[in-house]
Protein backbone atom coordinates (compact mmCIF):
# COMPACT_ATOMS: atom_id res chain seq x y z
CA MET A 1 -15.16 -17.39 12.96
CA ASN A 2 -14.95 -19.19 9.63
CA LYS A 3 -17.90 -18.68 7.34
CA THR A 4 -19.36 -21.78 5.67
CA ALA A 5 -21.29 -22.21 2.43
CA SER A 6 -24.52 -22.30 4.43
CA GLN A 7 -24.05 -18.72 5.67
CA SER A 8 -25.56 -15.87 3.68
CA THR A 9 -22.44 -13.67 3.37
CA VAL A 10 -21.30 -13.49 -0.27
CA ASN A 11 -17.72 -14.66 -0.74
CA PRO A 12 -16.11 -12.61 -3.56
CA VAL A 13 -13.73 -15.43 -4.51
CA ILE A 14 -16.59 -17.91 -4.91
CA GLU A 15 -18.65 -15.35 -6.82
CA GLY A 16 -15.69 -14.66 -9.10
CA ILE A 17 -15.32 -18.35 -9.88
CA LYS A 18 -19.03 -18.78 -10.55
CA ASN A 19 -19.29 -15.66 -12.72
CA ARG A 20 -16.24 -16.31 -14.91
CA ARG A 21 -17.15 -16.88 -18.54
CA ALA A 22 -15.85 -16.39 -22.05
CA ILE A 23 -16.26 -12.92 -23.49
CA PHE A 24 -15.49 -13.06 -27.19
CA PRO A 25 -13.56 -10.34 -29.07
CA ARG A 26 -16.67 -9.25 -30.95
CA SER A 27 -17.93 -7.87 -27.62
CA PHE A 28 -14.77 -5.89 -26.85
CA ASP A 29 -14.89 -2.10 -27.02
CA ASP A 30 -12.18 0.39 -28.01
CA ARG A 31 -10.73 0.95 -24.53
CA GLU A 32 -7.14 -0.18 -24.16
CA VAL A 33 -6.17 -2.59 -21.42
CA SER A 34 -3.22 -0.94 -19.67
CA ARG A 35 0.15 -2.59 -19.30
CA GLU A 36 -0.26 -2.28 -15.52
CA ASP A 37 -3.51 -4.27 -15.63
CA ILE A 38 -1.92 -6.96 -17.79
CA GLU A 39 1.03 -7.14 -15.39
CA LEU A 40 -1.42 -7.71 -12.53
CA LEU A 41 -3.05 -10.54 -14.51
CA MET A 42 0.37 -12.08 -15.10
CA ASP A 43 1.11 -11.89 -11.37
CA CYS A 44 -2.18 -13.65 -10.60
CA ALA A 45 -1.40 -16.34 -13.19
CA ASN A 46 1.98 -16.84 -11.56
CA HIS A 47 0.32 -18.05 -8.35
CA ALA A 48 -1.05 -21.22 -9.94
CA PRO A 49 -0.33 -24.61 -8.35
CA THR A 50 2.74 -26.40 -9.63
CA HIS A 51 4.17 -29.82 -8.85
CA ARG A 52 7.86 -29.77 -7.85
CA MET A 53 7.84 -26.02 -8.51
CA THR A 54 8.42 -26.47 -12.24
CA GLN A 55 6.18 -23.40 -12.86
CA PRO A 56 5.69 -24.36 -16.52
CA TRP A 57 3.44 -21.47 -17.58
CA ARG A 58 4.89 -19.01 -20.07
CA PHE A 59 3.05 -16.05 -21.55
CA LYS A 60 3.87 -13.84 -24.51
CA VAL A 61 1.79 -10.64 -24.52
CA LEU A 62 1.09 -9.23 -27.98
CA ARG A 63 -0.19 -5.68 -28.41
CA GLY A 64 -0.17 -2.95 -31.05
CA GLY A 65 1.43 -3.91 -34.36
CA ALA A 66 2.18 -7.42 -33.07
CA LEU A 67 -1.54 -8.16 -33.23
CA LYS A 68 -1.68 -7.37 -36.93
CA ARG A 69 1.37 -9.58 -37.52
CA LEU A 70 -0.26 -12.39 -35.54
CA GLY A 71 -3.43 -12.09 -37.64
CA GLN A 72 -1.39 -12.27 -40.85
CA PHE A 73 0.49 -15.31 -39.53
CA LEU A 74 -2.72 -17.15 -38.58
CA GLU A 75 -4.14 -16.37 -42.01
CA LYS A 76 -0.99 -17.67 -43.72
CA ILE A 77 -1.10 -20.94 -41.76
CA TYR A 78 -4.82 -21.35 -42.47
CA LEU A 79 -4.31 -20.84 -46.21
CA SER A 80 -1.36 -23.25 -46.30
CA GLU A 81 -3.21 -26.01 -44.43
CA THR A 82 -6.66 -25.71 -46.04
CA PRO A 83 -7.54 -27.16 -49.46
CA PRO A 84 -8.39 -24.31 -51.88
CA ASP A 85 -11.99 -25.47 -52.31
CA ARG A 86 -12.54 -25.36 -48.53
CA ILE A 87 -11.10 -21.92 -47.80
CA SER A 88 -13.61 -19.69 -46.05
CA GLU A 89 -13.34 -15.93 -46.53
CA THR A 90 -15.69 -15.59 -43.54
CA LYS A 91 -13.19 -17.41 -41.32
CA ILE A 92 -10.33 -15.22 -42.56
CA SER A 93 -12.41 -12.10 -41.91
CA LYS A 94 -13.27 -13.27 -38.38
CA THR A 95 -9.58 -13.81 -37.59
CA ARG A 96 -8.76 -10.27 -38.73
CA LYS A 97 -11.61 -8.81 -36.69
CA LYS A 98 -10.49 -10.67 -33.55
CA MET A 99 -7.12 -8.95 -33.83
CA GLU A 100 -8.68 -5.56 -34.53
CA LYS A 101 -11.03 -5.81 -31.56
CA SER A 102 -8.57 -7.20 -29.00
CA SER A 103 -6.51 -4.91 -26.80
CA ALA A 104 -4.03 -7.74 -26.34
CA VAL A 105 -3.60 -11.39 -27.24
CA ILE A 106 -1.63 -13.52 -24.82
CA LEU A 107 0.10 -16.60 -26.16
CA VAL A 108 -0.40 -19.33 -23.56
CA CYS A 109 2.67 -21.55 -23.57
CA MET A 110 4.06 -24.46 -21.57
CA GLN A 111 7.73 -24.93 -20.77
CA ARG A 112 8.27 -28.64 -20.32
CA ASP A 113 10.59 -29.57 -17.48
CA LEU A 114 13.53 -30.86 -19.50
CA ARG A 115 14.44 -33.29 -16.72
CA GLU A 116 10.87 -34.66 -16.91
CA THR A 117 10.58 -34.78 -13.13
CA VAL A 118 6.78 -34.68 -13.46
CA PRO A 119 4.39 -36.12 -16.07
CA GLU A 120 3.63 -33.78 -18.96
CA TRP A 121 -0.09 -33.78 -18.19
CA GLU A 122 0.68 -32.21 -14.81
CA GLU A 123 2.53 -29.37 -16.51
CA ILE A 124 -0.38 -28.82 -18.90
CA ALA A 125 -2.74 -28.82 -15.91
CA SER A 126 -0.58 -26.21 -14.18
CA VAL A 127 -0.74 -23.97 -17.24
CA ALA A 128 -4.53 -24.37 -17.32
CA CYS A 129 -4.67 -23.37 -13.64
CA ALA A 130 -2.57 -20.30 -14.42
CA VAL A 131 -5.00 -19.33 -17.19
CA GLN A 132 -7.92 -19.84 -14.80
CA ASN A 133 -6.26 -17.46 -12.32
CA LEU A 134 -5.72 -14.93 -15.10
CA TRP A 135 -9.30 -15.32 -16.31
CA ILE A 136 -10.95 -14.93 -12.90
CA ALA A 137 -8.76 -11.91 -12.14
CA ALA A 138 -9.68 -10.36 -15.50
CA GLN A 139 -13.38 -10.93 -14.78
CA SER A 140 -13.01 -9.22 -11.39
CA MET A 141 -11.40 -6.21 -13.11
CA GLY A 142 -14.22 -5.85 -15.62
CA LEU A 143 -12.15 -7.29 -18.46
CA GLY A 144 -13.26 -9.92 -20.94
CA GLY A 145 -11.27 -12.91 -22.09
CA TYR A 146 -11.46 -15.94 -24.32
CA TRP A 147 -9.06 -18.91 -24.58
CA SER A 148 -8.81 -20.30 -28.10
CA SER A 149 -6.67 -23.15 -29.42
CA PRO A 150 -6.63 -23.00 -33.23
CA GLY A 151 -4.66 -25.57 -35.17
CA ALA A 152 -2.09 -22.88 -35.99
CA ILE A 153 -0.68 -23.08 -32.46
CA ARG A 154 1.28 -26.12 -33.65
CA SER A 155 3.26 -23.74 -35.87
CA MET A 156 3.65 -20.88 -33.37
CA GLY A 157 7.39 -21.48 -33.21
CA GLU A 158 7.53 -19.91 -36.69
CA PHE A 159 6.04 -16.69 -35.27
CA VAL A 160 7.79 -16.32 -31.90
CA ASP A 161 10.90 -17.79 -30.39
CA LEU A 162 10.08 -20.86 -28.30
CA ALA A 163 12.66 -22.34 -25.98
CA THR A 164 13.63 -26.01 -26.12
CA GLY A 165 10.69 -27.93 -24.69
CA GLU A 166 8.31 -24.96 -24.92
CA ARG A 167 5.09 -25.13 -26.89
CA CYS A 168 2.03 -22.97 -27.40
CA LEU A 169 -1.25 -24.24 -25.94
CA GLY A 170 -3.51 -21.43 -27.10
CA LEU A 171 -4.33 -17.77 -27.50
CA PHE A 172 -6.04 -15.70 -24.81
CA TYR A 173 -7.87 -12.71 -26.28
CA LEU A 174 -8.24 -9.78 -23.86
CA GLY A 175 -10.26 -6.58 -23.91
CA HIS A 176 -12.67 -4.25 -22.17
CA HIS A 177 -16.38 -4.90 -22.62
CA SER A 178 -19.83 -3.88 -21.41
CA VAL A 179 -21.54 -7.26 -21.55
CA PRO A 180 -23.77 -7.77 -18.48
CA SER A 181 -22.71 -10.51 -16.08
CA LEU A 182 -25.02 -13.48 -16.50
CA GLY A 183 -22.82 -16.14 -14.92
CA ALA A 184 -21.58 -19.31 -16.54
CA LYS A 185 -24.07 -21.89 -17.85
CA ARG A 186 -23.50 -25.29 -16.31
CA THR A 187 -25.53 -28.42 -15.73
CA PRO A 188 -25.96 -29.22 -12.01
CA TRP A 189 -22.78 -30.23 -10.22
CA ARG A 190 -24.71 -33.01 -8.50
CA ASP A 191 -24.92 -34.80 -11.86
CA LYS A 192 -21.10 -35.05 -11.90
CA VAL A 193 -20.34 -36.00 -8.33
CA GLU A 194 -20.37 -39.41 -6.71
CA TRP A 195 -20.15 -39.67 -2.90
CA ILE A 196 -18.21 -42.64 -1.52
CA ASP A 197 -18.28 -42.78 2.27
CA GLU A 198 -17.19 -46.36 2.95
């Protein structure tokens, strides 16, 4: 028999969705996220919905020395795009610490269908769904994650090879943590829903 929302049995999928939240790198500990765990996250991301099977999500997993290089690149872009009198040493320090604390940083990219068989916004939405899959799976495995989209993503083609039509949509920081699960903070869903029956 199918269980409905009115029944008391806890559905782990629903609980995973409701408990997903951002865990920032400052809360990560020193435990390494294994390659096997990251591969499982990538497999979960790969099951996102996709119109016309374009499967536009692309991920580039950075670990080890690549994290230090990414931090240096982000710092270089920040310094080149920020007027000297507005440069913040605190911001630079935070970027370095994010790299030091993260077990991995995943570049979230979108490969545009070169034939443009679907609108671009649908491809971006598919990538976002893939990240949501990744994020919920990470939460269920006791891992923390945070999706960031700094201005430097516009220049990510200078750091990694991007295919024709591919662009970076953000960075997903990943690590182990011991932050207690408090659930996501949201205003009531009823404030955002309109029922139209006729």
